[in-house]
C-alpha atoms as a PDB file:
ATOM      1  CA  MET A   1      64.536 168.552-113.082  1.00  0.00           C
ATOM      2  CA  THR A   2      67.347 168.434-115.618  1.00  0.00           C
ATOM      3  CA  SER A   3      66.839 167.181-119.122  1.00  0.00           C
ATOM      4  CA  LEU A   4      68.791 164.040-118.294  1.00  0.00           C
ATOM      5  CA  GLU A   5      66.390 163.284-115.477  1.00  0.00           C
ATOM      6  CA  ARG A   6      63.627 162.998-118.078  1.00  0.00           C
ATOM      7  CA  TYR A   7      65.772 160.568-120.010  1.00  0.00           C
ATOM      8  CA  GLY A   8      67.143 158.336-117.334  1.00  0.00           C
ATOM      9  CA  GLY A   9      65.928 159.071-113.860  1.00  0.00           C
ATOM     10  CA  ASP A  10      67.034 161.386-111.098  1.00  0.00           C
ATOM     11  CA  SER A  11      70.291 163.339-111.266  1.00  0.00           C
ATOM     12  CA  GLU A  12      71.917 161.062-108.688  1.00  0.00           C
ATOM     13  CA  MET A  13      71.466 157.910-110.784  1.00  0.00           C
ATOM     14  CA  ARG A  14      74.840 156.426-111.628  1.00  0.00           C
ATOM     15  CA  ILE A  15      75.921 155.832-115.216  1.00  0.00           C
ATOM     16  CA  GLY A  16      78.257 153.141-116.486  1.00  0.00           C
ATOM     17  CA  ASN A  17      80.741 152.758-119.311  1.00  0.00           C
ATOM     18  CA  ALA A  18      78.059 151.947-121.886  1.00  0.00           C
ATOM     19  CA  GLU A  19      76.160 155.158-121.103  1.00  0.00           C
ATOM     20  CA  ARG A  20      79.365 157.219-121.141  1.00  0.00           C
ATOM     21  CA  ASP A  21      80.316 155.736-124.523  1.00  0.00           C
ATOM     22  CA  ALA A  22      76.848 156.512-125.930  1.00  0.00           C
ATOM     23  CA  LEU A  23      77.115 160.110-124.707  1.00  0.00           C
ATOM     24  CA  ALA A  24      80.617 160.411-126.214  1.00  0.00           C
ATOM     25  CA  ASP A  25      79.181 159.158-129.528  1.00  0.00           C
ATOM     26  CA  LEU A  26      76.541 161.856-129.275  1.00  0.00           C
ATOM     27  CA  LEU A  27      79.268 164.469-128.781  1.00  0.00           C
ATOM     28  CA  ARG A  28      81.180 163.035-131.754  1.00  0.00           C
ATOM     29  CA  THR A  29      78.031 163.356-133.878  1.00  0.00           C
ATOM     30  CA  SER A  30      77.732 166.985-132.777  1.00  0.00           C
ATOM     31  CA  VAL A  31      81.306 167.633-133.978  1.00  0.00           C
ATOM     32  CA  ASP A  32      80.527 165.972-137.315  1.00  0.00           C
ATOM     33  CA  GLN A  33      77.464 168.193-137.702  1.00  0.00           C
ATOM     34  CA  GLY A  34      79.435 171.338-136.855  1.00  0.00           C
ATOM     35  CA  PHE A  35      77.867 172.141-133.493  1.00  0.00           C
ATOM     36  CA  LEU A  36      81.146 171.729-131.593  1.00  0.00           C
ATOM     37  CA  ASP A  37      84.769 172.418-132.442  1.00  0.00           C
ATOM     38  CA  LEU A  38      87.477 169.946-131.458  1.00  0.00           C
ATOM     39  CA  ASP A  39      88.626 171.848-128.350  1.00  0.00           C
ATOM     40  CA  GLU A  40      85.107 172.042-126.968  1.00  0.00           C
ATOM     41  CA  TYR A  41      84.543 168.398-127.912  1.00  0.00           C
ATOM     42  CA  GLU A  42      87.597 167.303-125.929  1.00  0.00           C
ATOM     43  CA  LYS A  43      86.497 169.282-122.869  1.00  0.00           C
ATOM     44  CA  ARG A  44      82.992 167.865-123.002  1.00  0.00           C
ATOM     45  CA  VAL A  45      84.194 164.308-123.551  1.00  0.00           C
ATOM     46  CA  ASP A  46      86.423 164.686-120.484  1.00  0.00           C
ATOM     47  CA  VAL A  47      83.390 165.830-118.468  1.00  0.00           C
ATOM     48  CA  VAL A  48      81.247 162.948-119.739  1.00  0.00           C
ATOM     49  CA  MET A  49      83.941 160.320-119.189  1.00  0.00           C
ATOM     50  CA  ALA A  50      84.546 161.585-115.652  1.00  0.00           C
ATOM     51  CA  ALA A  51      80.826 161.688-114.844  1.00  0.00           C
ATOM     52  CA  LYS A  52      79.656 159.249-112.234  1.00  0.00           C
ATOM     53  CA  THR A  53      76.001 160.323-112.226  1.00  0.00           C
ATOM     54  CA  ILE A  54      73.480 161.629-114.736  1.00  0.00           C
ATOM     55  CA  GLY A  55      73.648 165.041-113.111  1.00  0.00           C
ATOM     56  CA  ASP A  56      77.421 165.188-113.686  1.00  0.00           C
ATOM     57  CA  ALA A  57      76.997 164.561-117.440  1.00  0.00           C
ATOM     58  CA  ALA A  58      74.038 166.896-118.044  1.00  0.00           C
ATOM     59  CA  PRO A  59      75.964 170.198-118.371  1.00  0.00           C
ATOM     60  CA  ALA A  60      78.128 168.806-121.187  1.00  0.00           C
ATOM     61  CA  LEU A  61      75.079 167.910-123.291  1.00  0.00           C
ATOM     62  CA  ALA A  62      72.332 170.380-122.439  1.00  0.00           C
ATOM     63  CA  ASP A  63      72.817 172.731-125.430  1.00  0.00           C
ATOM     64  CA  LEU A  64      73.150 170.104-128.179  1.00  0.00           C
ATOM     65  CA  PRO A  65      70.286 169.555-130.669  1.00  0.00           C
ATOM     66  CA  ALA A  66      71.095 165.848-131.055  1.00  0.00           C
ATOM     67  CA  TYR A  67      70.697 165.408-127.314  1.00  0.00           C
ATOM     68  CA  HIS A  68      67.307 167.132-127.348  1.00  0.00           C
ATOM     69  CA  ARG A  69      66.139 164.905-130.226  1.00  0.00           C
ATOM     70  CA  ILE A  70      66.901 161.935-127.996  1.00  0.00           C
ATOM     71  CA  LEU A  71      64.960 163.468-125.137  1.00  0.00           C
ATOM     72  CA  ASP A  72      62.023 164.291-127.378  1.00  0.00           C
ATOM     73  CA  ALA A  73      61.695 160.619-128.332  1.00  0.00           C
ATOM     74  CA  ASP A  74      59.334 160.045-125.416  1.00  0.00           C
ATOM     75  CA  GLU A  75      58.259 156.671-124.226  1.00  0.00           C
ATOM     76  CA  PRO A  76      55.333 155.358-126.241  1.00  0.00           C
ATOM     77  CA  GLU A  77      51.970 155.455-124.552  1.00  0.00           C
ATOM     78  CA  LYS A  78      50.678 152.302-122.982  1.00  0.00           C
ATOM     79  CA  LEU A  79      48.918 149.963-125.326  1.00  0.00           C
ATOM     80  CA  GLY A  80      45.217 149.747-124.526  1.00  0.00           C
ATOM     81  CA  THR A  81      42.665 147.182-125.494  1.00  0.00           C
ATOM     82  CA  PRO A  82      42.334 147.120-129.295  1.00  0.00           C
ATOM     83  CA  GLU A  83      39.084 148.158-130.893  1.00  0.00           C
ATOM     84  CA  TRP A  84      38.463 144.705-132.336  1.00  0.00           C
ATOM     85  CA  VAL A  85      38.380 143.178-128.831  1.00  0.00           C
ATOM     86  CA  LYS A  86      35.966 145.832-127.605  1.00  0.00           C
ATOM     87  CA  TRP A  87      33.664 145.368-130.597  1.00  0.00           C
ATOM     88  CA  MET A  88      33.876 141.581-130.291  1.00  0.00           C
ATOM     89  CA  TRP A  89      32.514 141.770-126.752  1.00  0.00           C
ATOM     90  CA  VAL A  90      29.845 144.289-127.771  1.00  0.00           C
ATOM     91  CA  GLY A  91      28.775 141.907-130.537  1.00  0.00           C
ATOM     92  CA  PHE A  92      28.741 138.956-128.151  1.00  0.00           C
ATOM     93  CA  SER A  93      26.773 140.802-125.492  1.00  0.00           C
ATOM     94  CA  ILE A  94      23.866 141.679-127.799  1.00  0.00           C
ATOM     95  CA  PRO A  95      22.540 138.135-128.471  1.00  0.00           C
ATOM     96  CA  ILE A  96      23.360 137.068-124.918  1.00  0.00           C
ATOM     97  CA  GLY A  97      21.476 140.074-123.539  1.00  0.00           C
ATOM     98  CA  ILE A  98      18.466 139.378-125.761  1.00  0.00           C
ATOM     99  CA  CYS A  99      18.363 135.715-124.706  1.00  0.00           C
ATOM    100  CA  VAL A 100      18.717 136.517-121.006  1.00  0.00           C
ATOM    101  CA  SER A 101      15.950 139.125-121.313  1.00  0.00           C
ATOM    102  CA  ILE A 102      13.609 136.597-122.963  1.00  0.00           C
ATOM    103  CA  TRP A 103      14.493 133.964-120.373  1.00  0.00           C
ATOM    104  CA  LEU A 104      13.873 136.430-117.524  1.00  0.00           C
ATOM    105  CA  LEU A 105      10.509 137.409-118.999  1.00  0.00           C
ATOM    106  CA  VAL A 106       9.471 133.741-119.400  1.00  0.00           C
ATOM    107  CA  PHE A 107      10.743 132.961-115.900  1.00  0.00           C
ATOM    108  CA  LEU A 108       8.738 135.784-114.347  1.00  0.00           C
ATOM    109  CA  LEU A 109       5.544 135.055-116.310  1.00  0.00           C
ATOM    110  CA  ALA A 110       5.536 131.250-116.568  1.00  0.00           C
ATOM    111  CA  GLY A 111       7.942 130.164-113.839  1.00  0.00           C
ATOM    112  CA  VAL A 112      10.100 128.078-116.195  1.00  0.00           C
ATOM    113  CA  ASP A 113      13.554 128.240-114.671  1.00  0.00           C
ATOM    114  CA  TYR A 114      15.742 126.136-116.991  1.00  0.00           C
ATOM    115  CA  PRO A 115      18.824 128.359-117.716  1.00  0.00           C
ATOM    116  CA  TRP A 116      18.834 127.855-121.491  1.00  0.00           C
ATOM    117  CA  PRO A 117      20.664 131.197-122.215  1.00  0.00           C
ATOM    118  CA  LEU A 118      23.802 129.466-120.950  1.00  0.00           C
ATOM    119  CA  TRP A 119      23.752 127.385-124.152  1.00  0.00           C
ATOM    120  CA  VAL A 120      23.800 130.613-126.136  1.00  0.00           C
ATOM    121  CA  ALA A 121      26.454 132.296-123.999  1.00  0.00           C
ATOM    122  CA  ALA A 122      28.853 129.338-123.725  1.00  0.00           C
ATOM    123  CA  PRO A 123      30.089 129.399-127.362  1.00  0.00           C
ATOM    124  CA  PHE A 124      30.561 133.168-127.241  1.00  0.00           C
ATOM    125  CA  PHE A 125      32.587 132.908-124.052  1.00  0.00           C
ATOM    126  CA  GLY A 126      34.426 129.880-125.451  1.00  0.00           C
ATOM    127  CA  VAL A 127      35.637 132.023-128.350  1.00  0.00           C
ATOM    128  CA  GLY A 128      35.868 135.443-126.691  1.00  0.00           C
ATOM    129  CA  ILE A 129      37.869 134.558-123.601  1.00  0.00           C
ATOM    130  CA  PRO A 130      40.726 132.764-125.440  1.00  0.00           C
ATOM    131  CA  LEU A 131      40.914 135.553-128.036  1.00  0.00           C
ATOM    132  CA  THR A 132      41.054 138.198-125.320  1.00  0.00           C
ATOM    133  CA  PHE A 133      43.759 136.312-123.415  1.00  0.00           C
ATOM    134  CA  ALA A 134      45.756 135.768-126.614  1.00  0.00           C
ATOM    135  CA  GLU A 135      45.659 139.480-127.365  1.00  0.00           C
ATOM    136  CA  ARG A 136      46.500 140.445-123.796  1.00  0.00           C
ATOM    137  CA  PHE A 137      49.352 137.982-123.173  1.00  0.00           C
ATOM    138  CA  ILE A 138      50.798 137.290-126.648  1.00  0.00           C
ATOM    139  CA  GLN A 139      50.066 140.113-129.090  1.00  0.00           C
ATOM    140  CA  ARG A 140      50.294 143.052-126.687  1.00  0.00           C
ATOM    141  CA  PRO A 141      53.740 142.159-125.237  1.00  0.00           C
ATOM    142  CA  ALA A 142      55.087 141.568-128.758  1.00  0.00           C
ATOM    143  CA  ALA A 143      53.795 144.960-129.906  1.00  0.00           C
ATOM    144  CA  ALA A 144      55.263 146.622-126.810  1.00  0.00           C
ATOM    145  CA  ARG A 145      58.671 145.036-127.536  1.00  0.00           C
ATOM    146  CA  LYS A 146      58.561 146.302-131.128  1.00  0.00           C
ATOM    147  CA  ARG A 147      57.682 149.816-129.956  1.00  0.00           C
ATOM    148  CA  ARG A 148      60.473 149.835-127.353  1.00  0.00           C
ATOM    149  CA  GLU A 149      62.960 148.665-129.991  1.00  0.00           C
ATOM    150  CA  ALA A 150      61.819 151.386-132.411  1.00  0.00           C
ATOM    151  CA  LEU A 151      62.186 153.978-129.649  1.00  0.00           C
ATOM    152  CA  ARG A 152      65.667 152.669-128.813  1.00  0.00           C
ATOM    153  CA  ARG A 153      66.678 152.924-132.484  1.00  0.00           C
ATOM    154  CA  LYS A 154      65.263 156.448-132.659  1.00  0.00           C
ATOM    155  CA  ARG A 155      67.200 157.478-129.566  1.00  0.00           C
ATOM    156  CA  MET A 156      70.397 155.982-130.963  1.00  0.00           C
ATOM    157  CA  GLY A 157      69.848 157.898-134.213  1.00  0.00           C
ATOM    158  CA  ARG A 158      69.586 154.857-136.474  1.00  0.00           C
END
């Protein structure tokens, strides 16, 4: 696997003008930083501009530090369930569990079968379920977008 495969897919994936321009900018940055002289820059730009696939462009970039900084900016890990949601459900389950245990004990000993723990559980579920859905479908996608944008800026060197 080439280093470009880590960045964009397999070596046969095609690249377009926008990708070629970004790679040429990377080469230009390498000249500005003194890693390439102008002759080598021109040769590498010709290779990058003629590249049709990722594999064609990889040899022109493989030894440049700026390119490896881009590759090292790995994708952020998946966002999991936040701690506050986990602790909210732990906190909700304690009084519900106590009430269900008492109800079960009374049911087994006295035979009273009115499901009164539902009145205890309903408000907890009425609060917990909307909060969990809001985190899952509103907050989490927004945080993922912010992280992807930060990664994109890091890869572009801004």
